[in-house]
Amino acid sequence: MARYLLLALNGPTSGEGDEETYNEWYRTTHLPDLLALDGIETAERFEVVMSNTQWPYVAAYTIETDDIDTLLQDMTDKPRPFSPTFDRSKSAFILARKLKD
């Protein structure tokens, strides 16, 4: 089975209390929704402490699947809606497939 690493780079909108609301939603709603999908093995979040980019947070997901296209579609279709405090202008991702040893 193929192994992948998905890095989601993102951040909250800039209103008062948005960061707290965003982090609560990410921790209690978004991560559990994604972990419930077949193929996502682990999910961890990190606060960026040094970078040459704009993203304040990174989520790292380890994935094991032979059908990455279906899993990516499930990641779009199945989780609950995004929090309004999720700033899509501060959102990007990197999907990498593990090299064979």
PDB file of N, CA and C in Angstrom:
ATOM      1  N   MET A   1       0.850  -1.182   0.000  1.00  0.00           N
ATOM      2  CA  MET A   1       0.000   0.000   0.000  1.00  0.00           C
ATOM      3  C   MET A   1       0.895   1.244   0.000  1.00  0.00           C
ATOM      4  N   ALA A   2       0.495   2.247  -0.739  1.00  0.00           N
ATOM      5  CA  ALA A   2       1.285   3.477  -0.825  1.00  0.00           C
ATOM      6  C   ALA A   2       1.126   4.302   0.452  1.00  0.00           C
ATOM      7  N   ARG A   3       2.211   4.960   0.846  1.00  0.00           N
ATOM      8  CA  ARG A   3       2.201   5.834   2.023  1.00  0.00           C
ATOM      9  C   ARG A   3       2.407   7.277   1.567  1.00  0.00           C
ATOM     10  N   TYR A   4       1.678   8.188   2.220  1.00  0.00           N
ATOM     11  CA  TYR A   4       1.720   9.604   1.872  1.00  0.00           C
ATOM     12  C   TYR A   4       1.872  10.437   3.134  1.00  0.00           C
ATOM     13  N   LEU A   5       2.364  11.637   2.934  1.00  0.00           N
ATOM     14  CA  LEU A   5       2.373  12.659   3.967  1.00  0.00           C
ATOM     15  C   LEU A   5       1.647  13.864   3.389  1.00  0.00           C
ATOM     16  N   LEU A   6       0.636  14.326   4.105  1.00  0.00           N
ATOM     17  CA  LEU A   6      -0.095  15.522   3.709  1.00  0.00           C
ATOM     18  C   LEU A   6       0.197  16.603   4.739  1.00  0.00           C
ATOM     19  N   LEU A   7       0.701  17.725   4.277  1.00  0.00           N
ATOM     20  CA  LEU A   7       0.933  18.885   5.132  1.00  0.00           C
ATOM     21  C   LEU A   7      -0.080  19.949   4.748  1.00  0.00           C
ATOM     22  N   ALA A   8      -0.894  20.343   5.699  1.00  0.00           N
ATOM     23  CA  ALA A   8      -1.887  21.395   5.483  1.00  0.00           C
ATOM     24  C   ALA A   8      -1.390  22.643   6.192  1.00  0.00           C
ATOM     25  N   LEU A   9      -1.146  23.691   5.429  1.00  0.00           N
ATOM     26  CA  LEU A   9      -0.629  24.952   5.958  1.00  0.00           C
ATOM     27  C   LEU A   9      -1.792  25.930   5.987  1.00  0.00           C
ATOM     28  N   ASN A  10      -2.091  26.471   7.162  1.00  0.00           N
ATOM     29  CA  ASN A  10      -3.286  27.298   7.257  1.00  0.00           C
ATOM     30  C   ASN A  10      -3.253  28.209   8.469  1.00  0.00           C
ATOM     31  N   GLY A  11      -4.314  28.983   8.600  1.00  0.00           N
ATOM     32  CA  GLY A  11      -4.413  29.910   9.713  1.00  0.00           C
ATOM     33  C   GLY A  11      -5.811  30.490   9.836  1.00  0.00           C
ATOM     34  N   PRO A  12      -6.041  31.235  10.911  1.00  0.00           N
ATOM     35  CA  PRO A  12      -7.356  31.807  11.171  1.00  0.00           C
ATOM     36  C   PRO A  12      -7.549  33.166  10.501  1.00  0.00           C
ATOM     37  N   THR A  13      -8.806  33.569  10.413  1.00  0.00           N
ATOM     38  CA  THR A  13      -9.110  34.938  10.024  1.00  0.00           C
ATOM     39  C   THR A  13      -8.653  35.866  11.152  1.00  0.00           C
ATOM     40  N   SER A  14      -8.705  37.174  10.928  1.00  0.00           N
ATOM     41  CA  SER A  14      -8.048  38.108  11.843  1.00  0.00           C
ATOM     42  C   SER A  14      -8.985  38.849  12.799  1.00  0.00           C
ATOM     43  N   GLY A  15     -10.227  38.398  12.946  1.00  0.00           N
ATOM     44  CA  GLY A  15     -11.150  39.067  13.868  1.00  0.00           C
ATOM     45  C   GLY A  15     -10.846  38.733  15.322  1.00  0.00           C
ATOM     46  N   GLU A  16     -11.432  39.507  16.204  1.00  0.00           N
ATOM     47  CA  GLU A  16     -11.248  39.280  17.634  1.00  0.00           C
ATOM     48  C   GLU A  16     -11.809  37.907  18.010  1.00  0.00           C
ATOM     49  N   GLY A  17     -10.993  37.078  18.654  1.00  0.00           N
ATOM     50  CA  GLY A  17     -11.396  35.743  19.078  1.00  0.00           C
ATOM     51  C   GLY A  17     -11.350  34.690  17.991  1.00  0.00           C
ATOM     52  N   ASP A  18     -10.999  35.084  16.761  1.00  0.00           N
ATOM     53  CA  ASP A  18     -10.999  34.123  15.650  1.00  0.00           C
ATOM     54  C   ASP A  18      -9.976  33.007  15.846  1.00  0.00           C
ATOM     55  N   GLU A  19      -8.802  33.344  16.357  1.00  0.00           N
ATOM     56  CA  GLU A  19      -7.765  32.321  16.510  1.00  0.00           C
ATOM     57  C   GLU A  19      -8.204  31.240  17.501  1.00  0.00           C
ATOM     58  N   GLU A  20      -8.783  31.644  18.606  1.00  0.00           N
ATOM     59  CA  GLU A  20      -9.263  30.665  19.589  1.00  0.00           C
ATOM     60  C   GLU A  20     -10.374  29.797  18.990  1.00  0.00           C
ATOM     61  N   THR A  21     -11.315  30.422  18.296  1.00  0.00           N
ATOM     62  CA  THR A  21     -12.420  29.680  17.684  1.00  0.00           C
ATOM     63  C   THR A  21     -11.900  28.717  16.630  1.00  0.00           C
ATOM     64  N   TYR A  22     -10.986  29.189  15.796  1.00  0.00           N
ATOM     65  CA  TYR A  22     -10.369  28.367  14.749  1.00  0.00           C
ATOM     66  C   TYR A  22      -9.656  27.164  15.361  1.00  0.00           C
ATOM     67  N   ASN A  23      -8.834  27.377  16.372  1.00  0.00           N
ATOM     68  CA  ASN A  23      -8.092  26.276  16.987  1.00  0.00           C
ATOM     69  C   ASN A  23      -9.026  25.276  17.663  1.00  0.00           C
ATOM     70  N   GLU A  24     -10.079  25.753  18.297  1.00  0.00           N
ATOM     71  CA  GLU A  24     -11.059  24.859  18.925  1.00  0.00           C
ATOM     72  C   GLU A  24     -11.752  24.010  17.861  1.00  0.00           C
ATOM     73  N   TRP A  25     -12.201  24.640  16.761  1.00  0.00           N
ATOM     74  CA  TRP A  25     -12.840  23.904  15.671  1.00  0.00           C
ATOM     75  C   TRP A  25     -11.876  22.874  15.088  1.00  0.00           C
ATOM     76  N   TYR A  26     -10.633  23.271  14.841  1.00  0.00           N
ATOM     77  CA  TYR A  26      -9.666  22.365  14.225  1.00  0.00           C
ATOM     78  C   TYR A  26      -9.446  21.150  15.118  1.00  0.00           C
ATOM     79  N   ARG A  27      -9.293  21.395  16.426  1.00  0.00           N
ATOM     80  CA  ARG A  27      -8.995  20.328  17.383  1.00  0.00           C
ATOM     81  C   ARG A  27     -10.190  19.411  17.620  1.00  0.00           C
ATOM     82  N   THR A  28     -11.386  19.975  17.765  1.00  0.00           N
ATOM     83  CA  THR A  28     -12.538  19.174  18.185  1.00  0.00           C
ATOM     84  C   THR A  28     -13.432  18.703  17.040  1.00  0.00           C
ATOM     85  N   THR A  29     -13.317  19.309  15.873  1.00  0.00           N
ATOM     86  CA  THR A  29     -14.187  18.945  14.748  1.00  0.00           C
ATOM     87  C   THR A  29     -13.386  18.438  13.556  1.00  0.00           C
ATOM     88  N   HIS A  30     -12.483  19.260  13.055  1.00  0.00           N
ATOM     89  CA  HIS A  30     -11.818  18.939  11.787  1.00  0.00           C
ATOM     90  C   HIS A  30     -10.898  17.724  11.898  1.00  0.00           C
ATOM     91  N   LEU A  31     -10.023  17.702  12.891  1.00  0.00           N
ATOM     92  CA  LEU A  31      -9.124  16.544  13.022  1.00  0.00           C
ATOM     93  C   LEU A  31      -9.903  15.246  13.224  1.00  0.00           C
ATOM     94  N   PRO A  32     -10.891  15.188  14.127  1.00  0.00           N
ATOM     95  CA  PRO A  32     -11.654  13.942  14.262  1.00  0.00           C
ATOM     96  C   PRO A  32     -12.374  13.529  12.976  1.00  0.00           C
ATOM     97  N   ASP A  33     -12.911  14.495  12.232  1.00  0.00           N
ATOM     98  CA  ASP A  33     -13.567  14.174  10.962  1.00  0.00           C
ATOM     99  C   ASP A  33     -12.588  13.516   9.993  1.00  0.00           C
ATOM    100  N   LEU A  34     -11.388  14.060   9.905  1.00  0.00           N
ATOM    101  CA  LEU A  34     -10.410  13.500   8.973  1.00  0.00           C
ATOM    102  C   LEU A  34      -9.877  12.157   9.460  1.00  0.00           C
ATOM    103  N   LEU A  35      -9.650  12.022  10.751  1.00  0.00           N
ATOM    104  CA  LEU A  35      -9.166  10.747  11.285  1.00  0.00           C
ATOM    105  C   LEU A  35     -10.186   9.624  11.104  1.00  0.00           C
ATOM    106  N   ALA A  36     -11.445   9.954  10.936  1.00  0.00           N
ATOM    107  CA  ALA A  36     -12.485   8.944  10.727  1.00  0.00           C
ATOM    108  C   ALA A  36     -12.475   8.375   9.304  1.00  0.00           C
ATOM    109  N   LEU A  37     -11.741   9.005   8.405  1.00  0.00           N
ATOM    110  CA  LEU A  37     -11.696   8.539   7.017  1.00  0.00           C
ATOM    111  C   LEU A  37     -10.741   7.362   6.878  1.00  0.00           C
ATOM    112  N   ASP A  38     -11.136   6.376   6.063  1.00  0.00           N
ATOM    113  CA  ASP A  38     -10.260   5.240   5.788  1.00  0.00           C
ATOM    114  C   ASP A  38      -9.011   5.723   5.067  1.00  0.00           C
ATOM    115  N   GLY A  39      -7.863   5.387   5.615  1.00  0.00           N
ATOM    116  CA  GLY A  39      -6.595   5.736   4.988  1.00  0.00           C
ATOM    117  C   GLY A  39      -5.795   6.745   5.772  1.00  0.00           C
ATOM    118  N   ILE A  40      -6.444   7.596   6.554  1.00  0.00           N
ATOM    119  CA  ILE A  40      -5.689   8.561   7.357  1.00  0.00           C
ATOM    120  C   ILE A  40      -5.309   7.879   8.663  1.00  0.00           C
ATOM    121  N   GLU A  41      -4.011   7.727   8.852  1.00  0.00           N
ATOM    122  CA  GLU A  41      -3.498   6.988  10.001  1.00  0.00           C
ATOM    123  C   GLU A  41      -3.256   7.889  11.213  1.00  0.00           C
ATOM    124  N   THR A  42      -2.650   9.052  10.991  1.00  0.00           N
ATOM    125  CA  THR A  42      -2.357   9.975  12.095  1.00  0.00           C
ATOM    126  C   THR A  42      -2.606  11.401  11.651  1.00  0.00           C
ATOM    127  N   ALA A  43      -2.847  12.256  12.637  1.00  0.00           N
ATOM    128  CA  ALA A  43      -3.024  13.686  12.386  1.00  0.00           C
ATOM    129  C   ALA A  43      -2.446  14.442  13.571  1.00  0.00           C
ATOM    130  N   GLU A  44      -1.565  15.388  13.284  1.00  0.00           N
ATOM    131  CA  GLU A  44      -0.952  16.218  14.318  1.00  0.00           C
ATOM    132  C   GLU A  44      -0.928  17.655  13.843  1.00  0.00           C
ATOM    133  N   ARG A  45      -1.030  18.599  14.786  1.00  0.00           N
ATOM    134  CA  ARG A  45      -0.946  20.021  14.446  1.00  0.00           C
ATOM    135  C   ARG A  45       0.281  20.629  15.093  1.00  0.00           C
ATOM    136  N   PHE A  46       0.809  21.641  14.399  1.00  0.00           N
ATOM    137  CA  PHE A  46       1.994  22.344  14.861  1.00  0.00           C
ATOM    138  C   PHE A  46       1.801  23.837  14.673  1.00  0.00           C
ATOM    139  N   GLU A  47       2.349  24.610  15.586  1.00  0.00           N
ATOM    140  CA  GLU A  47       2.400  26.058  15.439  1.00  0.00           C
ATOM    141  C   GLU A  47       3.756  26.404  14.840  1.00  0.00           C
ATOM    142  N   VAL A  48       3.766  27.181  13.785  1.00  0.00           N
ATOM    143  CA  VAL A  48       5.006  27.557  13.120  1.00  0.00           C
ATOM    144  C   VAL A  48       5.778  28.525  14.020  1.00  0.00           C
ATOM    145  N   VAL A  49       7.042  28.219  14.258  1.00  0.00           N
ATOM    146  CA  VAL A  49       7.879  29.095  15.080  1.00  0.00           C
ATOM    147  C   VAL A  49       8.938  29.817  14.252  1.00  0.00           C
ATOM    148  N   MET A  50       9.202  29.323  13.043  1.00  0.00           N
ATOM    149  CA  MET A  50      10.132  30.000  12.143  1.00  0.00           C
ATOM    150  C   MET A  50       9.779  29.594  10.719  1.00  0.00           C
ATOM    151  N   SER A  51       9.700  30.573   9.834  1.00  0.00           N
ATOM    152  CA  SER A  51       9.302  30.272   8.466  1.00  0.00           C
ATOM    153  C   SER A  51       9.599  31.456   7.560  1.00  0.00           C
ATOM    154  N   ASN A  52       9.645  31.181   6.269  1.00  0.00           N
ATOM    155  CA  ASN A  52       9.724  32.257   5.280  1.00  0.00           C
ATOM    156  C   ASN A  52       8.396  32.352   4.524  1.00  0.00           C
ATOM    157  N   THR A  53       7.318  31.835   5.144  1.00  0.00           N
ATOM    158  CA  THR A  53       5.993  31.864   4.533  1.00  0.00           C
ATOM    159  C   THR A  53       4.989  32.509   5.477  1.00  0.00           C
ATOM    160  N   GLN A  54       3.742  32.602   5.052  1.00  0.00           N
ATOM    161  CA  GLN A  54       2.708  33.306   5.804  1.00  0.00           C
ATOM    162  C   GLN A  54       1.918  32.425   6.766  1.00  0.00           C
ATOM    163  N   TRP A  55       2.082  31.117   6.735  1.00  0.00           N
ATOM    164  CA  TRP A  55       1.199  30.222   7.474  1.00  0.00           C
ATOM    165  C   TRP A  55       1.590  30.090   8.938  1.00  0.00           C
ATOM    166  N   PRO A  56       0.646  30.322   9.856  1.00  0.00           N
ATOM    167  CA  PRO A  56       0.953  30.211  11.279  1.00  0.00           C
ATOM    168  C   PRO A  56       0.814  28.793  11.832  1.00  0.00           C
ATOM    169  N   TYR A  57       0.118  27.896  11.100  1.00  0.00           N
ATOM    170  CA  TYR A  57      -0.094  26.533  11.588  1.00  0.00           C
ATOM    171  C   TYR A  57       0.140  25.525  10.474  1.00  0.00           C
ATOM    172  N   VAL A  58       0.552  24.314  10.883  1.00  0.00           N
ATOM    173  CA  VAL A  58       0.735  23.203   9.961  1.00  0.00           C
ATOM    174  C   VAL A  58       0.093  21.971  10.588  1.00  0.00           C
ATOM    175  N   ALA A  59      -0.699  21.264   9.806  1.00  0.00           N
ATOM    176  CA  ALA A  59      -1.221  19.965  10.224  1.00  0.00           C
ATOM    177  C   ALA A  59      -0.544  18.909   9.360  1.00  0.00           C
ATOM    178  N   ALA A  60      -0.087  17.834   9.999  1.00  0.00           N
ATOM    179  CA  ALA A  60       0.597  16.751   9.294  1.00  0.00           C
ATOM    180  C   ALA A  60      -0.232  15.484   9.415  1.00  0.00           C
ATOM    181  N   TYR A  61      -0.550  14.899   8.278  1.00  0.00           N
ATOM    182  CA  TYR A  61      -1.354  13.685   8.226  1.00  0.00           C
ATOM    183  C   TYR A  61      -0.540  12.583   7.558  1.00  0.00           C
ATOM    184  N   THR A  62      -0.468  11.419   8.176  1.00  0.00           N
ATOM    185  CA  THR A  62       0.115  10.261   7.517  1.00  0.00           C
ATOM    186  C   THR A  62      -1.032   9.444   6.944  1.00  0.00           C
ATOM    187  N   ILE A  63      -0.833   9.004   5.719  1.00  0.00           N
ATOM    188  CA  ILE A  63      -1.894   8.341   4.955  1.00  0.00           C
ATOM    189  C   ILE A  63      -1.334   7.047   4.385  1.00  0.00           C
ATOM    190  N   GLU A  64      -2.175   6.013   4.394  1.00  0.00           N
ATOM    191  CA  GLU A  64      -1.828   4.760   3.736  1.00  0.00           C
ATOM    192  C   GLU A  64      -3.040   4.320   2.925  1.00  0.00           C
ATOM    193  N   THR A  65      -2.867   4.304   1.603  1.00  0.00           N
ATOM    194  CA  THR A  65      -3.977   3.954   0.716  1.00  0.00           C
ATOM    195  C   THR A  65      -3.445   3.590  -0.665  1.00  0.00           C
ATOM    196  N   ASP A  66      -4.206   2.761  -1.343  1.00  0.00           N
ATOM    197  CA  ASP A  66      -3.918   2.479  -2.751  1.00  0.00           C
ATOM    198  C   ASP A  66      -4.790   3.312  -3.678  1.00  0.00           C
ATOM    199  N   ASP A  67      -5.652   4.144  -3.097  1.00  0.00           N
ATOM    200  CA  ASP A  67      -6.559   4.970  -3.896  1.00  0.00           C
ATOM    201  C   ASP A  67      -6.573   6.398  -3.352  1.00  0.00           C
ATOM    202  N   ILE A  68      -5.496   7.117  -3.604  1.00  0.00           N
ATOM    203  CA  ILE A  68      -5.362   8.471  -3.058  1.00  0.00           C
ATOM    204  C   ILE A  68      -6.424   9.410  -3.626  1.00  0.00           C
ATOM    205  N   ASP A  69      -6.828   9.209  -4.861  1.00  0.00           N
ATOM    206  CA  ASP A  69      -7.835  10.100  -5.457  1.00  0.00           C
ATOM    207  C   ASP A  69      -9.163  10.011  -4.715  1.00  0.00           C
ATOM    208  N   THR A  70      -9.590   8.796  -4.364  1.00  0.00           N
ATOM    209  CA  THR A  70     -10.835   8.636  -3.611  1.00  0.00           C
ATOM    210  C   THR A  70     -10.705   9.249  -2.231  1.00  0.00           C
ATOM    211  N   LEU A  71      -9.568   9.028  -1.571  1.00  0.00           N
ATOM    212  CA  LEU A  71      -9.379   9.604  -0.242  1.00  0.00           C
ATOM    213  C   LEU A  71      -9.403  11.132  -0.302  1.00  0.00           C
ATOM    214  N   LEU A  72      -8.750  11.720  -1.269  1.00  0.00           N
ATOM    215  CA  LEU A  72      -8.767  13.180  -1.397  1.00  0.00           C
ATOM    216  C   LEU A  72     -10.188  13.691  -1.638  1.00  0.00           C
ATOM    217  N   GLN A  73     -10.976  12.962  -2.417  1.00  0.00           N
ATOM    218  CA  GLN A  73     -12.371  13.358  -2.624  1.00  0.00           C
ATOM    219  C   GLN A  73     -13.165  13.224  -1.330  1.00  0.00           C
ATOM    220  N   ASP A  74     -12.919  12.147  -0.571  1.00  0.00           N
ATOM    221  CA  ASP A  74     -13.571  11.974   0.730  1.00  0.00           C
ATOM    222  C   ASP A  74     -13.209  13.105   1.684  1.00  0.00           C
ATOM    223  N   MET A  75     -11.974  13.568   1.628  1.00  0.00           N
ATOM    224  CA  MET A  75     -11.535  14.669   2.496  1.00  0.00           C
ATOM    225  C   MET A  75     -12.276  15.959   2.155  1.00  0.00           C
ATOM    226  N   THR A  76     -12.714  16.084   0.925  1.00  0.00           N
ATOM    227  CA  THR A  76     -13.491  17.246   0.504  1.00  0.00           C
ATOM    228  C   THR A  76     -14.965  17.084   0.856  1.00  0.00           C
ATOM    229  N   ASP A  77     -15.509  15.887   0.639  1.00  0.00           N
ATOM    230  CA  ASP A  77     -16.948  15.663   0.742  1.00  0.00           C
ATOM    231  C   ASP A  77     -17.455  15.317   2.135  1.00  0.00           C
ATOM    232  N   LYS A  78     -16.681  14.584   2.921  1.00  0.00           N
ATOM    233  CA  LYS A  78     -17.222  13.992   4.143  1.00  0.00           C
ATOM    234  C   LYS A  78     -17.104  14.826   5.415  1.00  0.00           C
ATOM    235  N   PRO A  79     -16.035  15.587   5.627  1.00  0.00           N
ATOM    236  CA  PRO A  79     -15.980  16.360   6.880  1.00  0.00           C
ATOM    237  C   PRO A  79     -17.076  17.424   6.948  1.00  0.00           C
ATOM    238  N   ARG A  80     -17.381  17.825   8.174  1.00  0.00           N
ATOM    239  CA  ARG A  80     -18.345  18.910   8.373  1.00  0.00           C
ATOM    240  C   ARG A  80     -17.789  20.199   7.774  1.00  0.00           C
ATOM    241  N   PRO A  81     -18.645  21.192   7.519  1.00  0.00           N
ATOM    242  CA  PRO A  81     -18.187  22.443   6.890  1.00  0.00           C
ATOM    243  C   PRO A  81     -17.057  23.110   7.678  1.00  0.00           C
ATOM    244  N   PHE A  82     -16.264  23.851   6.953  1.00  0.00           N
ATOM    245  CA  PHE A  82     -15.159  24.583   7.565  1.00  0.00           C
ATOM    246  C   PHE A  82     -15.693  25.698   8.450  1.00  0.00           C
ATOM    247  N   SER A  83     -14.961  25.992   9.490  1.00  0.00           N
ATOM    248  CA  SER A  83     -15.286  27.115  10.371  1.00  0.00           C
ATOM    249  C   SER A  83     -15.158  28.420   9.582  1.00  0.00           C
ATOM    250  N   PRO A  84     -16.028  29.389   9.830  1.00  0.00           N
ATOM    251  CA  PRO A  84     -15.868  30.691   9.171  1.00  0.00           C
ATOM    252  C   PRO A  84     -14.584  31.400   9.593  1.00  0.00           C
ATOM    253  N   THR A  85     -13.933  30.911  10.647  1.00  0.00           N
ATOM    254  CA  THR A  85     -12.666  31.510  11.085  1.00  0.00           C
ATOM    255  C   THR A  85     -11.461  30.865  10.393  1.00  0.00           C
ATOM    256  N   PHE A  86     -11.697  29.922   9.487  1.00  0.00           N
ATOM    257  CA  PHE A  86     -10.633  29.312   8.688  1.00  0.00           C
ATOM    258  C   PHE A  86     -10.356  30.240   7.510  1.00  0.00           C
ATOM    259  N   ASP A  87      -9.185  30.837   7.477  1.00  0.00           N
ATOM    260  CA  ASP A  87      -8.830  31.808   6.435  1.00  0.00           C
ATOM    261  C   ASP A  87      -8.287  31.089   5.211  1.00  0.00           C
ATOM    262  N   ARG A  88      -9.115  30.985   4.180  1.00  0.00           N
ATOM    263  CA  ARG A  88      -8.691  30.274   2.970  1.00  0.00           C
ATOM    264  C   ARG A  88      -7.537  30.973   2.248  1.00  0.00           C
ATOM    265  N   SER A  89      -7.356  32.269   2.484  1.00  0.00           N
ATOM    266  CA  SER A  89      -6.209  32.953   1.872  1.00  0.00           C
ATOM    267  C   SER A  89      -4.911  32.544   2.555  1.00  0.00           C
ATOM    268  N   LYS A  90      -5.001  31.933   3.730  1.00  0.00           N
ATOM    269  CA  LYS A  90      -3.831  31.411   4.443  1.00  0.00           C
ATOM    270  C   LYS A  90      -3.894  29.892   4.461  1.00  0.00           C
ATOM    271  N   SER A  91      -4.220  29.300   3.314  1.00  0.00           N
ATOM    272  CA  SER A  91      -4.369  27.857   3.245  1.00  0.00           C
ATOM    273  C   SER A  91      -3.665  27.311   2.010  1.00  0.00           C
ATOM    274  N   ALA A  92      -2.889  26.263   2.235  1.00  0.00           N
ATOM    275  CA  ALA A  92      -2.206  25.569   1.143  1.00  0.00           C
ATOM    276  C   ALA A  92      -1.923  24.152   1.627  1.00  0.00           C
ATOM    277  N   PHE A  93      -1.510  23.287   0.725  1.00  0.00           N
ATOM    278  CA  PHE A  93      -1.155  21.939   1.155  1.00  0.00           C
ATOM    279  C   PHE A  93      -0.033  21.395   0.298  1.00  0.00           C
ATOM    280  N   ILE A  94       0.614  20.380   0.854  1.00  0.00           N
ATOM    281  CA  ILE A  94       1.628  19.611   0.150  1.00  0.00           C
ATOM    282  C   ILE A  94       1.269  18.143   0.349  1.00  0.00           C
ATOM    283  N   LEU A  95       1.143  17.401  -0.728  1.00  0.00           N
ATOM    284  CA  LEU A  95       0.924  15.966  -0.657  1.00  0.00           C
ATOM    285  C   LEU A  95       2.156  15.304  -1.241  1.00  0.00           C
ATOM    286  N   ALA A  96       2.785  14.414  -0.455  1.00  0.00           N
ATOM    287  CA  ALA A  96       4.003  13.735  -0.903  1.00  0.00           C
ATOM    288  C   ALA A  96       3.836  12.238  -0.730  1.00  0.00           C
ATOM    289  N   ARG A  97       4.306  11.485  -1.720  1.00  0.00           N
ATOM    290  CA  ARG A  97       4.291  10.027  -1.640  1.00  0.00           C
ATOM    291  C   ARG A  97       5.652   9.549  -1.146  1.00  0.00           C
ATOM    292  N   LYS A  98       5.636   8.596  -0.216  1.00  0.00           N
ATOM    293  CA  LYS A  98       6.885   8.066   0.335  1.00  0.00           C
ATOM    294  C   LYS A  98       7.659   7.350  -0.752  1.00  0.00           C
ATOM    295  N   LEU A  99       8.945   7.623  -0.804  1.00  0.00           N
ATOM    296  CA  LEU A  99       9.811   6.932  -1.752  1.00  0.00           C
ATOM    297  C   LEU A  99      10.008   5.491  -1.322  1.00  0.00           C
ATOM    298  N   LYS A 100      10.173   4.627  -2.266  1.00  0.00           N
ATOM    299  CA  LYS A 100      10.453   3.221  -1.956  1.00  0.00           C
ATOM    300  C   LYS A 100      11.860   3.108  -1.401  1.00  0.00           C
ATOM    301  N   ASP A 101      11.971   2.285  -0.378  1.00  0.00           N
ATOM    302  CA  ASP A 101      13.295   2.088   0.263  1.00  0.00           C
ATOM    303  C   ASP A 101      14.255   1.370  -0.638  1.00  0.00           C
TER     304      ASP A 101
END
